[in-house]
Amino acid sequence: AFPAGDIKAKLTGNRLKLVLHNLPAGDWDAGERGIACLPDRVDEFREGVGRAIEYGTALGAPQLNCLAGKAPLGATDEMLRKTFVANLKFAAAELKKAGLKLLVEPINTYDIPGFYLNRTAQAISILDEVGSDNLFLQYDIYHAQRFEGELAATVQKHLARIAHIQIADNPGRNEPGTGEIN
């Protein structure tokens, strides 16, 4: 929503480093939460990859997160997965040329009903299918706790595949130590 130069000026002025930025996620105000699994939005996704690389490079963000999106009514898992994997292969190859990492983030379906990528095991399986050495997991403690639990064991098991961890407590996505997570 803002020119990269304006964001860069704010980062520099506040002595901040941006460690992660998202690929375009569709119409956020209309409730979209990513378009990477949507078969009818492949061209838009690919155009967004180029725009994200421009922003990531200009802002010095070494990794970009790809939100899978919500599964449309009537869509089969096979169709969504095929689209998501193909889009990730494209994005990973383009980001690799720019020296950037690509991340995917499972998000619980309590907070975002219908979100396609919602479990760590599903994400790891997709990472394996894509087979790119610059594709990693963004592990969000809050989302994982809401849907899976087993946080410490999961992080330990998949740490080599995790490039970014977000931390918030449950319930309410509040500060660590305010809820049920020790």
C-alpha atoms as a PDB file:
ATOM      1  CA  ALA A   1       0.000   0.000   0.000  1.00  0.00           C
ATOM      2  CA  PHE A   2       3.039   2.302   0.368  1.00  0.00           C
ATOM      3  CA  PRO A   3       6.006   2.998  -1.911  1.00  0.00           C
ATOM      4  CA  ALA A   4       9.104   1.010  -0.961  1.00  0.00           C
ATOM      5  CA  GLY A   5      11.116   4.236  -0.656  1.00  0.00           C
ATOM      6  CA  ASP A   6       8.737   5.579   1.996  1.00  0.00           C
ATOM      7  CA  ILE A   7       8.950   2.358   3.996  1.00  0.00           C
ATOM      8  CA  LYS A   8      12.741   2.296   3.667  1.00  0.00           C
ATOM      9  CA  ALA A   9      12.948   5.878   4.955  1.00  0.00           C
ATOM     10  CA  LYS A  10      10.859   4.949   8.016  1.00  0.00           C
ATOM     11  CA  LEU A  11      13.020   1.890   8.681  1.00  0.00           C
ATOM     12  CA  THR A  12      16.223   3.895   8.370  1.00  0.00           C
ATOM     13  CA  GLY A  13      14.865   6.788  10.432  1.00  0.00           C
ATOM     14  CA  ASN A  14      13.954   4.410  13.242  1.00  0.00           C
ATOM     15  CA  ARG A  15      17.105   2.269  12.902  1.00  0.00           C
ATOM     16  CA  LEU A  16      15.056  -0.830  12.147  1.00  0.00           C
ATOM     17  CA  LYS A  17      15.753  -3.834   9.949  1.00  0.00           C
ATOM     18  CA  LEU A  18      12.922  -5.576   8.144  1.00  0.00           C
ATOM     19  CA  VAL A  19      13.406  -9.341   8.423  1.00  0.00           C
ATOM     20  CA  LEU A  20      10.263 -10.511   6.628  1.00  0.00           C
ATOM     21  CA  HIS A  21       7.787  -9.163   4.099  1.00  0.00           C
ATOM     22  CA  ASN A  22       4.728 -10.797   2.511  1.00  0.00           C
ATOM     23  CA  LEU A  23       4.040 -11.514  -1.118  1.00  0.00           C
ATOM     24  CA  PRO A  24       0.882  -9.744  -2.319  1.00  0.00           C
ATOM     25  CA  ALA A  25      -2.075 -11.490  -0.687  1.00  0.00           C
ATOM     26  CA  GLY A  26      -4.991 -10.347  -2.834  1.00  0.00           C
ATOM     27  CA  ASP A  27      -7.612  -7.915  -1.591  1.00  0.00           C
ATOM     28  CA  TRP A  28      -6.966  -7.879   2.169  1.00  0.00           C
ATOM     29  CA  ASP A  29      -9.796  -5.427   2.880  1.00  0.00           C
ATOM     30  CA  ALA A  30     -12.228  -7.818   1.161  1.00  0.00           C
ATOM     31  CA  GLY A  31     -11.088 -10.696   3.359  1.00  0.00           C
ATOM     32  CA  GLU A  32      -8.579 -12.378   1.068  1.00  0.00           C
ATOM     33  CA  ARG A  33      -5.612 -13.925   2.869  1.00  0.00           C
ATOM     34  CA  GLY A  34      -3.398 -14.997   0.010  1.00  0.00           C
ATOM     35  CA  ILE A  35      -3.924 -16.240  -3.530  1.00  0.00           C
ATOM     36  CA  ALA A  36      -1.202 -18.867  -3.980  1.00  0.00           C
ATOM     37  CA  CYS A  37      -3.562 -21.869  -3.945  1.00  0.00           C
ATOM     38  CA  LEU A  38      -6.209 -20.326  -6.205  1.00  0.00           C
ATOM     39  CA  PRO A  39      -6.182 -21.827  -9.725  1.00  0.00           C
ATOM     40  CA  ASP A  40      -7.875 -18.799 -11.298  1.00  0.00           C
ATOM     41  CA  ARG A  41      -5.310 -16.335  -9.872  1.00  0.00           C
ATOM     42  CA  VAL A  42      -2.010 -17.828 -11.120  1.00  0.00           C
ATOM     43  CA  ASP A  43      -1.165 -14.885 -13.394  1.00  0.00           C
ATOM     44  CA  GLU A  44      -1.861 -12.395 -10.607  1.00  0.00           C
ATOM     45  CA  PHE A  45       0.262 -14.460  -8.212  1.00  0.00           C
ATOM     46  CA  ARG A  46       3.210 -14.534 -10.610  1.00  0.00           C
ATOM     47  CA  GLU A  47       2.986 -10.785 -11.184  1.00  0.00           C
ATOM     48  CA  GLY A  48       2.943 -10.322  -7.418  1.00  0.00           C
ATOM     49  CA  VAL A  49       6.141 -12.348  -7.045  1.00  0.00           C
ATOM     50  CA  GLY A  50       7.992  -9.789  -9.151  1.00  0.00           C
ATOM     51  CA  ARG A  51       6.562  -6.925  -7.118  1.00  0.00           C
ATOM     52  CA  ALA A  52       7.488  -8.670  -3.855  1.00  0.00           C
ATOM     53  CA  ILE A  53      11.063  -9.179  -5.038  1.00  0.00           C
ATOM     54  CA  GLU A  54      11.296  -5.466  -5.825  1.00  0.00           C
ATOM     55  CA  TYR A  55      10.069  -4.578  -2.326  1.00  0.00           C
ATOM     56  CA  GLY A  56      12.154  -7.223  -0.584  1.00  0.00           C
ATOM     57  CA  THR A  57      15.296  -6.075  -2.351  1.00  0.00           C
ATOM     58  CA  ALA A  58      14.612  -2.366  -1.823  1.00  0.00           C
ATOM     59  CA  LEU A  59      13.819  -2.894   1.864  1.00  0.00           C
ATOM     60  CA  GLY A  60      16.653  -5.311   2.559  1.00  0.00           C
ATOM     61  CA  ALA A  61      14.223  -8.049   3.665  1.00  0.00           C
ATOM     62  CA  PRO A  62      16.005 -11.388   3.185  1.00  0.00           C
ATOM     63  CA  GLN A  63      12.836 -13.488   3.164  1.00  0.00           C
ATOM     64  CA  LEU A  64       9.311 -13.241   1.809  1.00  0.00           C
ATOM     65  CA  ASN A  65       6.259 -15.041   3.177  1.00  0.00           C
ATOM     66  CA  CYS A  66       3.704 -16.561   0.817  1.00  0.00           C
ATOM     67  CA  LEU A  67       0.181 -16.812   2.207  1.00  0.00           C
ATOM     68  CA  ALA A  68      -1.612 -19.796   0.664  1.00  0.00           C
ATOM     69  CA  GLY A  69      -5.100 -18.333   0.769  1.00  0.00           C
ATOM     70  CA  LYS A  70      -8.558 -19.632   1.538  1.00  0.00           C
ATOM     71  CA  ALA A  71      -9.891 -22.679  -0.258  1.00  0.00           C
ATOM     72  CA  PRO A  72     -12.820 -21.686  -2.468  1.00  0.00           C
ATOM     73  CA  LEU A  73     -16.061 -23.621  -2.088  1.00  0.00           C
ATOM     74  CA  GLY A  74     -16.082 -26.719  -4.242  1.00  0.00           C
ATOM     75  CA  ALA A  75     -12.337 -26.782  -4.835  1.00  0.00           C
ATOM     76  CA  THR A  76     -10.642 -30.142  -4.416  1.00  0.00           C
ATOM     77  CA  ASP A  77      -7.565 -30.579  -2.262  1.00  0.00           C
ATOM     78  CA  GLU A  78      -5.796 -32.028  -5.293  1.00  0.00           C
ATOM     79  CA  MET A  79      -6.465 -28.909  -7.389  1.00  0.00           C
ATOM     80  CA  LEU A  80      -5.466 -26.528  -4.577  1.00  0.00           C
ATOM     81  CA  ARG A  81      -2.278 -28.429  -3.778  1.00  0.00           C
ATOM     82  CA  LYS A  82      -1.270 -28.676  -7.460  1.00  0.00           C
ATOM     83  CA  THR A  83      -1.748 -24.915  -7.873  1.00  0.00           C
ATOM     84  CA  PHE A  84       0.030 -24.083  -4.616  1.00  0.00           C
ATOM     85  CA  VAL A  85       3.016 -26.320  -5.409  1.00  0.00           C
ATOM     86  CA  ALA A  86       3.357 -24.922  -8.953  1.00  0.00           C
ATOM     87  CA  ASN A  87       3.175 -21.350  -7.652  1.00  0.00           C
ATOM     88  CA  LEU A  88       5.754 -22.087  -4.954  1.00  0.00           C
ATOM     89  CA  LYS A  89       8.117 -23.649  -7.509  1.00  0.00           C
ATOM     90  CA  PHE A  90       7.822 -20.503  -9.621  1.00  0.00           C
ATOM     91  CA  ALA A  91       8.236 -18.141  -6.660  1.00  0.00           C
ATOM     92  CA  ALA A  92      11.153 -20.056  -5.137  1.00  0.00           C
ATOM     93  CA  ALA A  93      13.035 -19.999  -8.439  1.00  0.00           C
ATOM     94  CA  GLU A  94      12.448 -16.265  -8.892  1.00  0.00           C
ATOM     95  CA  LEU A  95      13.385 -15.423  -5.302  1.00  0.00           C
ATOM     96  CA  LYS A  96      16.509 -17.578  -5.538  1.00  0.00           C
ATOM     97  CA  LYS A  97      17.729 -15.436  -8.462  1.00  0.00           C
ATOM     98  CA  ALA A  98      17.415 -12.418  -6.146  1.00  0.00           C
ATOM     99  CA  GLY A  99      19.119 -14.174  -3.218  1.00  0.00           C
ATOM    100  CA  LEU A 100      15.924 -14.301  -1.145  1.00  0.00           C
ATOM    101  CA  LYS A 101      14.241 -17.026   0.893  1.00  0.00           C
ATOM    102  CA  LEU A 102      10.601 -17.985   0.381  1.00  0.00           C
ATOM    103  CA  LEU A 103       8.516 -18.946   3.412  1.00  0.00           C
ATOM    104  CA  VAL A 104       5.091 -20.518   3.879  1.00  0.00           C
ATOM    105  CA  GLU A 105       3.023 -20.202   7.042  1.00  0.00           C
ATOM    106  CA  PRO A 106       0.367 -22.601   8.282  1.00  0.00           C
ATOM    107  CA  ILE A 107      -2.521 -20.638   9.800  1.00  0.00           C
ATOM    108  CA  ASN A 108      -5.276 -22.107  11.972  1.00  0.00           C
ATOM    109  CA  THR A 109      -8.779 -22.205  10.552  1.00  0.00           C
ATOM    110  CA  TYR A 110     -10.396 -20.915  13.727  1.00  0.00           C
ATOM    111  CA  ASP A 111      -8.998 -17.465  13.002  1.00  0.00           C
ATOM    112  CA  ILE A 112      -9.120 -17.705   9.210  1.00  0.00           C
ATOM    113  CA  PRO A 113     -11.829 -20.203   8.231  1.00  0.00           C
ATOM    114  CA  GLY A 114     -10.977 -22.121   5.088  1.00  0.00           C
ATOM    115  CA  PHE A 115      -7.266 -21.260   5.093  1.00  0.00           C
ATOM    116  CA  TYR A 116      -5.675 -23.916   2.896  1.00  0.00           C
ATOM    117  CA  LEU A 117      -2.301 -24.377   4.603  1.00  0.00           C
ATOM    118  CA  ASN A 118      -3.113 -25.076   8.240  1.00  0.00           C
ATOM    119  CA  ARG A 119      -0.789 -27.747   9.671  1.00  0.00           C
ATOM    120  CA  THR A 120       2.964 -28.103  10.028  1.00  0.00           C
ATOM    121  CA  ALA A 121       2.992 -31.624   8.558  1.00  0.00           C
ATOM    122  CA  GLN A 122       1.068 -30.390   5.515  1.00  0.00           C
ATOM    123  CA  ALA A 123       3.553 -27.544   5.040  1.00  0.00           C
ATOM    124  CA  ILE A 124       6.576 -29.854   5.353  1.00  0.00           C
ATOM    125  CA  SER A 125       5.019 -32.225   2.817  1.00  0.00           C
ATOM    126  CA  ILE A 126       4.557 -29.329   0.397  1.00  0.00           C
ATOM    127  CA  LEU A 127       8.132 -28.125   0.983  1.00  0.00           C
ATOM    128  CA  ASP A 128       9.301 -31.649   0.121  1.00  0.00           C
ATOM    129  CA  GLU A 129       7.210 -31.711  -3.053  1.00  0.00           C
ATOM    130  CA  VAL A 130       8.476 -28.315  -4.214  1.00  0.00           C
ATOM    131  CA  GLY A 131      12.054 -29.377  -3.486  1.00  0.00           C
ATOM    132  CA  SER A 132      13.632 -25.922  -3.429  1.00  0.00           C
ATOM    133  CA  ASP A 133      16.607 -25.169  -1.191  1.00  0.00           C
ATOM    134  CA  ASN A 134      15.360 -21.625  -0.510  1.00  0.00           C
ATOM    135  CA  LEU A 135      11.834 -22.592   0.599  1.00  0.00           C
ATOM    136  CA  PHE A 136      11.259 -22.744   4.355  1.00  0.00           C
ATOM    137  CA  LEU A 137       8.592 -22.819   7.019  1.00  0.00           C
ATOM    138  CA  GLN A 138       7.465 -19.765   8.934  1.00  0.00           C
ATOM    139  CA  TYR A 139       6.432 -21.266  12.261  1.00  0.00           C
ATOM    140  CA  ASP A 140       3.855 -19.193  14.099  1.00  0.00           C
ATOM    141  CA  ILE A 141       3.620 -20.399  17.696  1.00  0.00           C
ATOM    142  CA  TYR A 142       0.125 -18.972  18.145  1.00  0.00           C
ATOM    143  CA  HIS A 143      -1.361 -20.702  15.087  1.00  0.00           C
ATOM    144  CA  ALA A 144       0.427 -23.964  15.876  1.00  0.00           C
ATOM    145  CA  GLN A 145      -0.851 -23.961  19.463  1.00  0.00           C
ATOM    146  CA  ARG A 146      -4.443 -23.356  18.355  1.00  0.00           C
ATOM    147  CA  PHE A 147      -4.396 -26.244  15.882  1.00  0.00           C
ATOM    148  CA  GLU A 148      -1.683 -28.692  16.856  1.00  0.00           C
ATOM    149  CA  GLY A 149       0.014 -28.207  20.226  1.00  0.00           C
ATOM    150  CA  GLU A 150       3.300 -30.094  20.654  1.00  0.00           C
ATOM    151  CA  LEU A 151       5.196 -26.847  20.054  1.00  0.00           C
ATOM    152  CA  ALA A 152       8.621 -27.760  21.451  1.00  0.00           C
ATOM    153  CA  ALA A 153       8.681 -31.196  19.809  1.00  0.00           C
ATOM    154  CA  THR A 154       7.573 -29.780  16.456  1.00  0.00           C
ATOM    155  CA  VAL A 155      10.174 -27.000  16.496  1.00  0.00           C
ATOM    156  CA  GLN A 156      12.885 -29.472  17.473  1.00  0.00           C
ATOM    157  CA  LYS A 157      11.867 -31.908  14.736  1.00  0.00           C
ATOM    158  CA  HIS A 158      11.693 -29.294  11.968  1.00  0.00           C
ATOM    159  CA  LEU A 159      14.167 -26.617  13.089  1.00  0.00           C
ATOM    160  CA  ALA A 160      16.344 -27.043   9.995  1.00  0.00           C
ATOM    161  CA  ARG A 161      13.282 -26.290   7.824  1.00  0.00           C
ATOM    162  CA  ILE A 162      12.160 -23.239   9.856  1.00  0.00           C
ATOM    163  CA  ALA A 163      13.534 -19.864   8.763  1.00  0.00           C
ATOM    164  CA  HIS A 164      11.355 -17.604  10.924  1.00  0.00           C
ATOM    165  CA  ILE A 165       9.417 -18.042  14.166  1.00  0.00           C
ATOM    166  CA  GLN A 166       6.622 -15.735  15.270  1.00  0.00           C
ATOM    167  CA  ILE A 167       5.716 -15.787  18.945  1.00  0.00           C
ATOM    168  CA  ALA A 168       2.410 -14.889  20.562  1.00  0.00           C
ATOM    169  CA  ASP A 169       0.465 -16.559  23.343  1.00  0.00           C
ATOM    170  CA  ASN A 170      -2.923 -18.190  23.196  1.00  0.00           C
ATOM    171  CA  PRO A 171      -5.678 -17.217  23.804  1.00  0.00           C
ATOM    172  CA  GLY A 172      -5.918 -13.838  22.160  1.00  0.00           C
ATOM    173  CA  ARG A 173      -2.593 -13.702  20.300  1.00  0.00           C
ATOM    174  CA  ASN A 174      -1.097 -11.719  23.169  1.00  0.00           C
ATOM    175  CA  GLU A 175       2.399 -11.287  24.615  1.00  0.00           C
ATOM    176  CA  PRO A 176       4.324 -14.445  25.605  1.00  0.00           C
ATOM    177  CA  GLY A 177       3.545 -15.518  29.157  1.00  0.00           C
ATOM    178  CA  THR A 178       0.002 -14.108  29.220  1.00  0.00           C
ATOM    179  CA  GLY A 179      -1.839 -17.286  28.311  1.00  0.00           C
ATOM    180  CA  GLU A 180      -1.603 -21.060  28.176  1.00  0.00           C
ATOM    181  CA  ILE A 181       1.839 -21.482  26.606  1.00  0.00           C
ATOM    182  CA  ASN A 182       4.669 -21.946  29.099  1.00  0.00           C
END
